[in-house]
């Protein structure tokens, strides 16, 4: 579980992207950008990670952050009908703004094969929303979860993530 209150908890910024996810609080946010509070503490002093469209990023540029490597060979992984179930990824997202970009979540194997698990574009409202994703596959290759934020056109628009949780089976 990562609530971003102290650090990135082993999540790493990808090197093959255009800019980074930033750790921040709502108390340091600029007027009109990002959530009023984090999800964990429901307080402006709470932390989350955030990307925003700005004059520094062009629309379509990407920021990517990836989980630690998760093992397919974990003894707790369950096999159901020939499909290995390696658990669940739960996270909270906040996507607010008239010209918001996109949030895409991938499952990436160690050989760099990426499968899209979640793809969302546009304004989703000025509140935190919960999403749970099944991390499933039929191989025995280790993998990571990757969050990709794509910059939109509005300078006040942004995407925030908080409380990234991988179930114990991971």
N, C-alpha and C. Protein backbone atom coordinates (compact mmCIF):
# COMPACT_ATOMS: atom_id res chain seq x y z
N UNK A 1 0.84 -1.18 0.00
CA UNK A 1 0.00 0.00 0.00
C UNK A 1 0.88 1.24 0.00
N UNK A 2 0.58 2.21 -0.85
CA UNK A 2 1.31 3.47 -0.86
C UNK A 2 0.32 4.63 -0.78
N UNK A 3 0.46 5.43 0.30
CA UNK A 3 -0.39 6.61 0.44
C UNK A 3 0.39 7.90 0.16
N UNK A 4 1.66 7.77 -0.18
CA UNK A 4 2.52 8.89 -0.58
C UNK A 4 2.75 9.91 0.54
N UNK A 5 2.46 9.54 1.79
CA UNK A 5 2.67 10.49 2.88
C UNK A 5 4.14 10.74 3.17
N UNK A 6 5.01 9.80 2.84
CA UNK A 6 6.43 9.97 3.14
C UNK A 6 7.32 9.92 1.91
N UNK A 7 6.94 9.11 0.92
CA UNK A 7 7.76 8.96 -0.28
C UNK A 7 6.96 8.23 -1.35
N UNK A 8 7.65 7.74 -2.37
CA UNK A 8 6.98 7.02 -3.47
C UNK A 8 6.86 5.52 -3.21
N UNK A 9 7.29 5.04 -2.04
CA UNK A 9 7.11 3.64 -1.62
C UNK A 9 7.65 2.62 -2.61
N UNK A 10 8.74 2.90 -3.26
CA UNK A 10 9.30 1.93 -4.21
C UNK A 10 8.76 2.06 -5.62
N UNK A 11 7.75 2.89 -5.84
CA UNK A 11 7.30 3.17 -7.20
C UNK A 11 8.36 4.04 -7.86
N UNK A 12 8.65 3.79 -9.13
CA UNK A 12 9.74 4.49 -9.82
C UNK A 12 9.23 5.25 -11.03
N UNK A 13 9.81 6.45 -11.23
CA UNK A 13 9.53 7.23 -12.43
C UNK A 13 10.16 6.50 -13.61
N UNK A 14 9.41 6.33 -14.70
CA UNK A 14 9.97 5.70 -15.89
C UNK A 14 10.95 6.66 -16.56
N UNK A 15 11.97 6.10 -17.19
CA UNK A 15 12.95 6.92 -17.89
C UNK A 15 12.50 7.25 -19.31
N UNK A 16 11.65 6.41 -19.88
CA UNK A 16 11.21 6.61 -21.27
C UNK A 16 9.87 7.33 -21.33
N UNK A 17 9.80 8.50 -20.68
CA UNK A 17 8.60 9.33 -20.77
C UNK A 17 9.04 10.78 -20.93
N UNK A 18 8.09 11.71 -20.91
CA UNK A 18 8.40 13.11 -21.20
C UNK A 18 8.56 13.98 -19.95
N UNK A 19 7.89 13.60 -18.86
CA UNK A 19 8.01 14.32 -17.60
C UNK A 19 7.61 13.39 -16.46
N UNK A 20 7.64 13.86 -15.20
CA UNK A 20 7.43 13.00 -14.04
C UNK A 20 6.14 13.31 -13.29
N UNK A 21 5.67 12.29 -12.58
CA UNK A 21 4.63 12.48 -11.58
C UNK A 21 5.28 13.21 -10.41
N UNK A 22 4.58 14.18 -9.82
CA UNK A 22 5.12 14.94 -8.70
C UNK A 22 4.38 14.61 -7.42
N UNK A 23 5.16 14.45 -6.33
CA UNK A 23 4.60 14.26 -5.01
C UNK A 23 4.22 15.64 -4.48
N UNK A 24 2.97 15.82 -4.03
CA UNK A 24 2.58 17.14 -3.55
C UNK A 24 1.42 17.07 -2.59
N UNK A 25 1.11 18.23 -1.98
CA UNK A 25 -0.04 18.36 -1.10
C UNK A 25 -0.98 19.39 -1.70
N UNK A 26 -2.22 19.39 -1.25
CA UNK A 26 -3.17 20.38 -1.73
C UNK A 26 -2.86 21.77 -1.17
N UNK A 27 -2.18 21.81 -0.02
CA UNK A 27 -1.87 23.11 0.57
C UNK A 27 -0.82 23.86 -0.26
N UNK A 28 -0.10 23.14 -1.13
CA UNK A 28 0.88 23.80 -2.00
C UNK A 28 0.39 23.93 -3.44
N UNK A 29 -0.85 23.54 -3.68
CA UNK A 29 -1.37 23.57 -5.05
C UNK A 29 -1.59 25.01 -5.50
N UNK A 30 -1.50 25.23 -6.77
CA UNK A 30 -1.82 26.54 -7.33
C UNK A 30 -3.32 26.64 -7.49
N UNK A 31 -3.81 27.83 -7.50
CA UNK A 31 -5.26 28.08 -7.57
C UNK A 31 -5.91 27.30 -8.71
N UNK A 32 -6.88 26.49 -8.36
CA UNK A 32 -7.67 25.83 -9.38
C UNK A 32 -7.09 24.55 -9.94
N UNK A 33 -5.94 24.08 -9.44
CA UNK A 33 -5.38 22.84 -9.98
C UNK A 33 -5.34 21.77 -8.90
N UNK A 34 -5.76 20.60 -9.26
CA UNK A 34 -5.67 19.46 -8.35
C UNK A 34 -6.76 19.41 -7.31
N UNK A 35 -6.82 18.28 -6.58
CA UNK A 35 -7.84 18.10 -5.56
C UNK A 35 -7.61 19.02 -4.35
N UNK A 36 -8.69 19.32 -3.62
CA UNK A 36 -8.60 20.18 -2.43
C UNK A 36 -7.94 19.47 -1.26
N UNK A 37 -8.02 18.13 -1.24
CA UNK A 37 -7.38 17.33 -0.19
C UNK A 37 -6.84 16.06 -0.83
N UNK A 38 -5.99 15.35 -0.10
CA UNK A 38 -5.59 14.03 -0.57
C UNK A 38 -6.71 13.05 -0.25
N UNK A 39 -6.58 11.80 -0.68
CA UNK A 39 -7.61 10.81 -0.39
C UNK A 39 -7.41 10.17 0.98
N UNK A 40 -6.16 9.95 1.38
CA UNK A 40 -5.85 9.22 2.60
C UNK A 40 -6.33 9.95 3.86
N UNK A 41 -5.85 11.18 4.03
CA UNK A 41 -6.14 11.94 5.25
C UNK A 41 -7.35 12.86 5.11
N UNK A 42 -7.78 13.07 3.86
CA UNK A 42 -8.87 14.01 3.57
C UNK A 42 -8.52 15.40 4.13
N UNK A 43 -7.25 15.78 3.93
CA UNK A 43 -6.74 17.02 4.50
C UNK A 43 -5.81 17.69 3.48
N UNK A 44 -5.77 19.02 3.43
CA UNK A 44 -4.88 19.70 2.47
C UNK A 44 -3.40 19.40 2.70
N UNK A 45 -3.04 18.94 3.90
CA UNK A 45 -1.62 18.63 4.16
C UNK A 45 -1.24 17.22 3.72
N UNK A 46 -2.22 16.40 3.32
CA UNK A 46 -1.95 15.03 2.87
C UNK A 46 -1.33 15.00 1.49
N UNK A 47 -0.56 13.95 1.21
CA UNK A 47 0.18 13.85 -0.05
C UNK A 47 -0.49 12.92 -1.06
N UNK A 48 -0.20 13.19 -2.32
CA UNK A 48 -0.62 12.36 -3.46
C UNK A 48 0.36 12.64 -4.58
N UNK A 49 0.25 11.90 -5.69
CA UNK A 49 1.08 12.22 -6.86
C UNK A 49 0.18 12.86 -7.91
N UNK A 50 0.80 13.72 -8.73
CA UNK A 50 0.00 14.60 -9.57
C UNK A 50 0.76 14.95 -10.85
N UNK A 51 0.03 15.04 -11.95
CA UNK A 51 0.57 15.68 -13.16
C UNK A 51 -0.42 16.76 -13.56
N UNK A 52 0.09 17.82 -14.15
CA UNK A 52 -0.83 18.83 -14.66
C UNK A 52 -0.38 19.30 -16.01
N UNK A 53 -1.35 19.70 -16.78
CA UNK A 53 -1.05 20.31 -18.07
C UNK A 53 -0.51 21.70 -17.77
N UNK A 54 0.51 22.10 -18.46
CA UNK A 54 1.08 23.43 -18.23
C UNK A 54 1.81 23.87 -19.49
N UNK A 55 2.42 25.02 -19.40
CA UNK A 55 3.17 25.52 -20.55
C UNK A 55 4.45 24.71 -20.74
N UNK A 56 4.84 23.93 -19.71
CA UNK A 56 6.05 23.12 -19.81
C UNK A 56 5.80 21.80 -20.54
N UNK A 57 4.56 21.33 -20.51
CA UNK A 57 4.21 20.08 -21.18
C UNK A 57 3.29 20.38 -22.36
N UNK A 58 3.59 19.74 -23.46
CA UNK A 58 2.70 19.85 -24.62
C UNK A 58 1.59 18.81 -24.51
N UNK A 59 0.40 19.11 -25.04
CA UNK A 59 -0.66 18.10 -25.03
C UNK A 59 -0.16 16.81 -25.66
N UNK A 60 -0.46 15.70 -25.00
CA UNK A 60 -0.04 14.39 -25.50
C UNK A 60 1.24 13.88 -24.88
N UNK A 61 2.01 14.74 -24.20
CA UNK A 61 3.22 14.25 -23.54
C UNK A 61 2.83 13.38 -22.35
N UNK A 62 3.72 12.43 -22.01
CA UNK A 62 3.39 11.39 -21.04
C UNK A 62 4.30 11.42 -19.82
N UNK A 63 3.70 11.10 -18.66
CA UNK A 63 4.44 10.84 -17.43
C UNK A 63 4.08 9.42 -17.00
N UNK A 64 5.10 8.61 -16.65
CA UNK A 64 4.84 7.22 -16.28
C UNK A 64 5.55 6.89 -14.97
N UNK A 65 4.84 6.14 -14.12
CA UNK A 65 5.42 5.66 -12.87
C UNK A 65 5.06 4.18 -12.73
N UNK A 66 6.02 3.36 -12.27
CA UNK A 66 5.80 1.92 -12.25
C UNK A 66 6.03 1.33 -10.86
N UNK A 67 5.30 0.27 -10.59
CA UNK A 67 5.39 -0.43 -9.31
C UNK A 67 6.70 -1.20 -9.21
N UNK A 68 7.03 -1.65 -8.01
CA UNK A 68 8.12 -2.64 -7.91
C UNK A 68 7.73 -3.87 -8.74
N UNK A 69 8.72 -4.69 -9.09
CA UNK A 69 8.45 -5.92 -9.87
C UNK A 69 7.68 -6.90 -8.98
N UNK A 70 6.60 -7.44 -9.54
CA UNK A 70 5.76 -8.40 -8.84
C UNK A 70 5.99 -9.78 -9.44
N UNK A 71 6.10 -10.77 -8.58
CA UNK A 71 6.47 -12.11 -9.04
C UNK A 71 5.24 -12.95 -9.37
N UNK A 72 5.28 -13.56 -10.55
CA UNK A 72 4.25 -14.52 -10.95
C UNK A 72 4.41 -15.82 -10.16
N UNK A 73 5.61 -16.06 -9.63
CA UNK A 73 5.87 -17.31 -8.95
C UNK A 73 5.53 -17.26 -7.46
N UNK A 74 4.88 -16.19 -7.03
CA UNK A 74 4.47 -16.06 -5.64
C UNK A 74 3.59 -17.24 -5.28
N UNK A 75 3.89 -17.91 -4.15
CA UNK A 75 3.13 -19.09 -3.76
C UNK A 75 1.66 -18.79 -3.47
N UNK A 76 1.33 -17.51 -3.25
CA UNK A 76 -0.05 -17.14 -2.97
C UNK A 76 -0.87 -16.86 -4.23
N UNK A 77 -0.20 -16.84 -5.39
CA UNK A 77 -0.96 -16.61 -6.62
C UNK A 77 -1.94 -17.76 -6.81
N UNK A 78 -3.13 -17.45 -7.24
CA UNK A 78 -4.16 -18.48 -7.41
C UNK A 78 -4.36 -18.76 -8.89
N UNK A 79 -4.64 -20.01 -9.23
CA UNK A 79 -4.92 -20.38 -10.61
C UNK A 79 -6.41 -20.75 -10.70
N UNK A 80 -7.11 -20.06 -11.58
CA UNK A 80 -8.55 -20.32 -11.77
C UNK A 80 -8.80 -20.57 -13.25
N UNK A 81 -9.21 -21.75 -13.60
CA UNK A 81 -9.55 -22.06 -14.98
C UNK A 81 -8.41 -21.80 -15.95
N UNK A 82 -7.18 -22.11 -15.52
CA UNK A 82 -6.02 -21.94 -16.39
C UNK A 82 -5.47 -20.52 -16.43
N UNK A 83 -6.13 -19.57 -15.74
CA UNK A 83 -5.64 -18.19 -15.70
C UNK A 83 -5.06 -17.92 -14.33
N UNK A 84 -3.82 -17.44 -14.29
CA UNK A 84 -3.20 -17.12 -13.01
C UNK A 84 -3.76 -15.79 -12.53
N UNK A 85 -4.32 -15.78 -11.34
CA UNK A 85 -4.79 -14.53 -10.74
C UNK A 85 -3.75 -14.08 -9.74
N UNK A 86 -3.12 -12.97 -10.01
CA UNK A 86 -2.06 -12.50 -9.13
C UNK A 86 -2.53 -11.36 -8.24
N UNK A 87 -3.81 -11.23 -8.07
CA UNK A 87 -4.29 -10.25 -7.13
C UNK A 87 -5.01 -9.08 -7.77
N UNK A 88 -5.13 -8.04 -6.99
CA UNK A 88 -5.92 -6.88 -7.37
C UNK A 88 -5.12 -5.61 -7.10
N UNK A 89 -5.25 -4.64 -7.99
CA UNK A 89 -4.68 -3.30 -7.80
C UNK A 89 -5.86 -2.38 -7.52
N UNK A 90 -5.83 -1.72 -6.38
CA UNK A 90 -6.86 -0.74 -6.05
C UNK A 90 -6.19 0.62 -5.99
N UNK A 91 -6.83 1.64 -6.55
CA UNK A 91 -6.27 2.98 -6.49
C UNK A 91 -7.38 4.01 -6.54
N UNK A 92 -7.02 5.22 -6.19
CA UNK A 92 -7.95 6.35 -6.24
C UNK A 92 -7.39 7.38 -7.20
N UNK A 93 -8.26 7.94 -8.03
CA UNK A 93 -7.83 8.93 -9.01
C UNK A 93 -8.73 10.15 -8.95
N UNK A 94 -8.17 11.27 -9.37
CA UNK A 94 -8.90 12.54 -9.42
C UNK A 94 -8.52 13.17 -10.76
N UNK A 95 -9.48 13.34 -11.64
CA UNK A 95 -9.26 13.91 -12.97
C UNK A 95 -10.26 15.03 -13.18
N UNK A 96 -9.80 16.25 -13.05
CA UNK A 96 -10.73 17.37 -13.11
C UNK A 96 -10.17 18.49 -13.98
N UNK A 97 -11.00 18.97 -14.89
CA UNK A 97 -10.64 20.08 -15.76
C UNK A 97 -11.31 19.95 -17.11
N UNK A 98 -11.53 21.08 -17.75
CA UNK A 98 -12.26 21.10 -19.02
C UNK A 98 -11.49 20.42 -20.15
N UNK A 99 -10.18 20.45 -20.08
CA UNK A 99 -9.36 19.89 -21.17
C UNK A 99 -8.38 18.85 -20.64
N UNK A 100 -8.87 18.01 -19.74
CA UNK A 100 -8.02 17.01 -19.08
C UNK A 100 -7.50 16.02 -20.11
N UNK A 101 -6.36 15.44 -19.83
CA UNK A 101 -5.79 14.43 -20.71
C UNK A 101 -6.33 13.04 -20.38
N UNK A 102 -5.43 12.06 -20.32
CA UNK A 102 -5.84 10.66 -20.12
C UNK A 102 -5.03 10.01 -19.01
N UNK A 103 -5.65 8.98 -18.42
CA UNK A 103 -4.97 8.11 -17.45
C UNK A 103 -5.08 6.70 -18.00
N UNK A 104 -3.93 6.06 -18.17
CA UNK A 104 -3.90 4.68 -18.67
C UNK A 104 -3.10 3.84 -17.68
N UNK A 105 -3.62 2.67 -17.35
CA UNK A 105 -2.92 1.74 -16.47
C UNK A 105 -2.56 0.50 -17.27
N UNK A 106 -1.30 0.11 -17.18
CA UNK A 106 -0.78 -1.06 -17.92
C UNK A 106 -0.30 -2.12 -16.94
N UNK A 107 -0.31 -3.36 -17.41
CA UNK A 107 0.43 -4.43 -16.77
C UNK A 107 1.59 -4.73 -17.71
N UNK A 108 2.83 -4.53 -17.25
CA UNK A 108 4.02 -4.66 -18.10
C UNK A 108 4.89 -5.80 -17.60
N UNK A 109 5.16 -6.75 -18.49
CA UNK A 109 6.03 -7.87 -18.13
C UNK A 109 7.49 -7.42 -18.15
N UNK A 110 8.36 -8.25 -17.57
CA UNK A 110 9.79 -7.91 -17.55
C UNK A 110 10.38 -7.87 -18.96
N UNK A 111 9.73 -8.50 -19.93
CA UNK A 111 10.20 -8.41 -21.32
C UNK A 111 9.56 -7.22 -22.04
N UNK A 112 8.92 -6.32 -21.27
CA UNK A 112 8.37 -5.04 -21.75
C UNK A 112 7.09 -5.16 -22.57
N UNK A 113 6.40 -6.31 -22.51
CA UNK A 113 5.09 -6.41 -23.15
C UNK A 113 4.07 -5.71 -22.25
N UNK A 114 3.29 -4.80 -22.85
CA UNK A 114 2.32 -4.03 -22.06
C UNK A 114 0.89 -4.36 -22.48
N UNK A 115 0.05 -4.55 -21.47
CA UNK A 115 -1.37 -4.80 -21.69
C UNK A 115 -2.14 -3.69 -20.97
N UNK A 116 -3.06 -3.02 -21.67
CA UNK A 116 -3.86 -1.96 -21.05
C UNK A 116 -4.92 -2.58 -20.15
N UNK A 117 -4.95 -2.12 -18.88
CA UNK A 117 -5.96 -2.57 -17.93
C UNK A 117 -7.06 -1.54 -17.74
N UNK A 118 -6.75 -0.28 -18.01
CA UNK A 118 -7.68 0.82 -17.72
C UNK A 118 -7.28 2.00 -18.58
N UNK A 119 -8.28 2.67 -19.19
CA UNK A 119 -8.00 3.81 -20.06
C UNK A 119 -9.16 4.79 -19.92
N UNK A 120 -8.84 6.00 -19.43
CA UNK A 120 -9.87 6.98 -19.15
C UNK A 120 -9.41 8.35 -19.65
N UNK A 121 -10.27 9.07 -20.34
CA UNK A 121 -9.94 10.39 -20.86
C UNK A 121 -11.04 11.36 -20.49
N UNK A 122 -10.66 12.59 -20.17
CA UNK A 122 -11.62 13.66 -19.95
C UNK A 122 -11.98 13.88 -18.50
N UNK A 123 -12.74 14.94 -18.28
CA UNK A 123 -13.16 15.37 -16.95
C UNK A 123 -14.01 14.30 -16.28
N UNK A 124 -13.60 13.88 -15.08
CA UNK A 124 -14.34 12.86 -14.33
C UNK A 124 -14.98 13.43 -13.07
N UNK A 125 -14.89 14.75 -12.86
CA UNK A 125 -15.49 15.38 -11.69
C UNK A 125 -14.46 15.77 -10.66
N UNK A 126 -14.83 16.71 -9.80
CA UNK A 126 -13.90 17.25 -8.82
C UNK A 126 -13.97 16.47 -7.51
N UNK A 127 -13.70 15.17 -7.59
CA UNK A 127 -13.70 14.31 -6.41
C UNK A 127 -12.86 13.06 -6.68
N UNK A 128 -12.44 12.40 -5.60
CA UNK A 128 -11.66 11.15 -5.70
C UNK A 128 -12.59 10.00 -6.07
N UNK A 129 -12.13 9.16 -7.00
CA UNK A 129 -12.88 7.98 -7.39
C UNK A 129 -12.02 6.73 -7.20
N UNK A 130 -12.68 5.64 -6.82
CA UNK A 130 -11.99 4.38 -6.55
C UNK A 130 -12.07 3.48 -7.77
N UNK A 131 -10.98 2.77 -8.04
CA UNK A 131 -10.96 1.79 -9.12
C UNK A 131 -10.20 0.55 -8.65
N UNK A 132 -10.74 -0.63 -8.96
CA UNK A 132 -10.06 -1.89 -8.66
C UNK A 132 -9.84 -2.62 -9.98
N UNK A 133 -8.63 -3.12 -10.19
CA UNK A 133 -8.28 -3.84 -11.41
C UNK A 133 -7.75 -5.21 -11.05
N UNK A 134 -8.17 -6.22 -11.80
CA UNK A 134 -7.64 -7.57 -11.62
C UNK A 134 -6.33 -7.69 -12.39
N UNK A 135 -5.30 -8.15 -11.72
CA UNK A 135 -4.01 -8.40 -12.38
C UNK A 135 -3.96 -9.88 -12.70
N UNK A 136 -4.25 -10.21 -13.95
CA UNK A 136 -4.36 -11.60 -14.35
C UNK A 136 -3.50 -11.86 -15.59
N UNK A 137 -3.13 -13.10 -15.78
CA UNK A 137 -2.37 -13.47 -16.96
C UNK A 137 -2.17 -14.97 -17.01
N UNK A 138 -1.61 -15.46 -18.09
CA UNK A 138 -1.44 -16.91 -18.22
C UNK A 138 0.02 -17.31 -18.31
N UNK A 139 0.93 -16.34 -18.17
CA UNK A 139 2.34 -16.69 -18.24
C UNK A 139 2.93 -16.78 -16.85
N UNK A 140 4.24 -17.04 -16.79
CA UNK A 140 4.83 -17.03 -15.47
C UNK A 140 5.94 -15.99 -15.42
N UNK A 141 5.78 -14.95 -16.24
CA UNK A 141 6.75 -13.86 -16.27
C UNK A 141 6.40 -12.79 -15.22
N UNK A 142 7.42 -12.29 -14.52
CA UNK A 142 7.21 -11.24 -13.55
C UNK A 142 6.70 -9.98 -14.25
N UNK A 143 6.06 -9.09 -13.49
CA UNK A 143 5.45 -7.93 -14.12
C UNK A 143 5.44 -6.72 -13.19
N UNK A 144 5.04 -5.59 -13.75
CA UNK A 144 4.85 -4.35 -13.00
C UNK A 144 3.51 -3.75 -13.40
N UNK A 145 3.00 -2.87 -12.55
CA UNK A 145 1.85 -2.06 -12.88
C UNK A 145 2.39 -0.67 -13.22
N UNK A 146 1.94 -0.10 -14.33
CA UNK A 146 2.43 1.21 -14.78
C UNK A 146 1.25 2.17 -14.91
N UNK A 147 1.38 3.34 -14.29
CA UNK A 147 0.39 4.40 -14.45
C UNK A 147 0.96 5.44 -15.40
N UNK A 148 0.20 5.75 -16.45
CA UNK A 148 0.62 6.73 -17.43
C UNK A 148 -0.40 7.87 -17.45
N UNK A 149 0.09 9.09 -17.21
CA UNK A 149 -0.74 10.27 -17.33
C UNK A 149 -0.36 11.01 -18.59
N UNK A 150 -1.34 11.42 -19.36
CA UNK A 150 -1.09 12.13 -20.62
C UNK A 150 -1.63 13.55 -20.48
N UNK A 151 -0.76 14.52 -20.73
CA UNK A 151 -1.13 15.93 -20.58
C UNK A 151 -2.24 16.32 -21.54
N UNK A 152 -3.17 17.13 -21.03
CA UNK A 152 -4.24 17.68 -21.85
C UNK A 152 -3.87 19.08 -22.32
N UNK A 153 -4.89 19.86 -22.69
CA UNK A 153 -4.66 21.20 -23.25
C UNK A 153 -4.82 22.33 -22.25
N UNK A 154 -5.48 22.09 -21.11
CA UNK A 154 -5.77 23.18 -20.18
C UNK A 154 -4.69 23.36 -19.13
N UNK A 155 -4.22 24.60 -18.90
CA UNK A 155 -3.16 24.83 -17.92
C UNK A 155 -3.58 24.58 -16.48
N UNK A 156 -4.88 24.51 -16.20
CA UNK A 156 -5.33 24.25 -14.84
C UNK A 156 -5.79 22.81 -14.64
N UNK A 157 -5.67 21.98 -15.67
CA UNK A 157 -6.17 20.62 -15.61
C UNK A 157 -5.10 19.67 -15.08
N UNK A 158 -5.52 18.67 -14.30
CA UNK A 158 -4.54 17.74 -13.78
C UNK A 158 -5.12 16.39 -13.41
N UNK A 159 -4.21 15.44 -13.21
CA UNK A 159 -4.58 14.08 -12.82
C UNK A 159 -3.81 13.75 -11.54
N UNK A 160 -4.53 13.27 -10.53
CA UNK A 160 -3.91 12.91 -9.26
C UNK A 160 -4.19 11.44 -8.96
N UNK A 161 -3.24 10.79 -8.27
CA UNK A 161 -3.39 9.41 -7.82
C UNK A 161 -3.05 9.34 -6.34
N UNK A 162 -3.75 8.48 -5.61
CA UNK A 162 -3.46 8.29 -4.19
C UNK A 162 -3.85 6.87 -3.79
N UNK A 163 -3.29 6.42 -2.68
CA UNK A 163 -3.63 5.14 -2.07
C UNK A 163 -3.59 3.98 -3.08
N UNK A 164 -2.41 3.77 -3.67
CA UNK A 164 -2.21 2.66 -4.59
C UNK A 164 -1.98 1.41 -3.75
N UNK A 165 -2.84 0.41 -3.90
CA UNK A 165 -2.77 -0.78 -3.08
C UNK A 165 -2.75 -2.03 -3.95
N UNK A 166 -1.81 -2.90 -3.69
CA UNK A 166 -1.76 -4.21 -4.33
C UNK A 166 -2.19 -5.24 -3.29
N UNK A 167 -3.10 -6.14 -3.65
CA UNK A 167 -3.57 -7.12 -2.69
C UNK A 167 -2.44 -8.04 -2.24
N UNK A 168 -2.65 -8.73 -1.14
CA UNK A 168 -1.60 -9.58 -0.56
C UNK A 168 -1.11 -10.67 -1.51
N UNK A 169 -2.00 -11.10 -2.43
CA UNK A 169 -1.59 -12.14 -3.38
C UNK A 169 -0.45 -11.67 -4.27
N UNK A 170 -0.24 -10.36 -4.36
CA UNK A 170 0.85 -9.85 -5.19
C UNK A 170 2.17 -9.90 -4.45
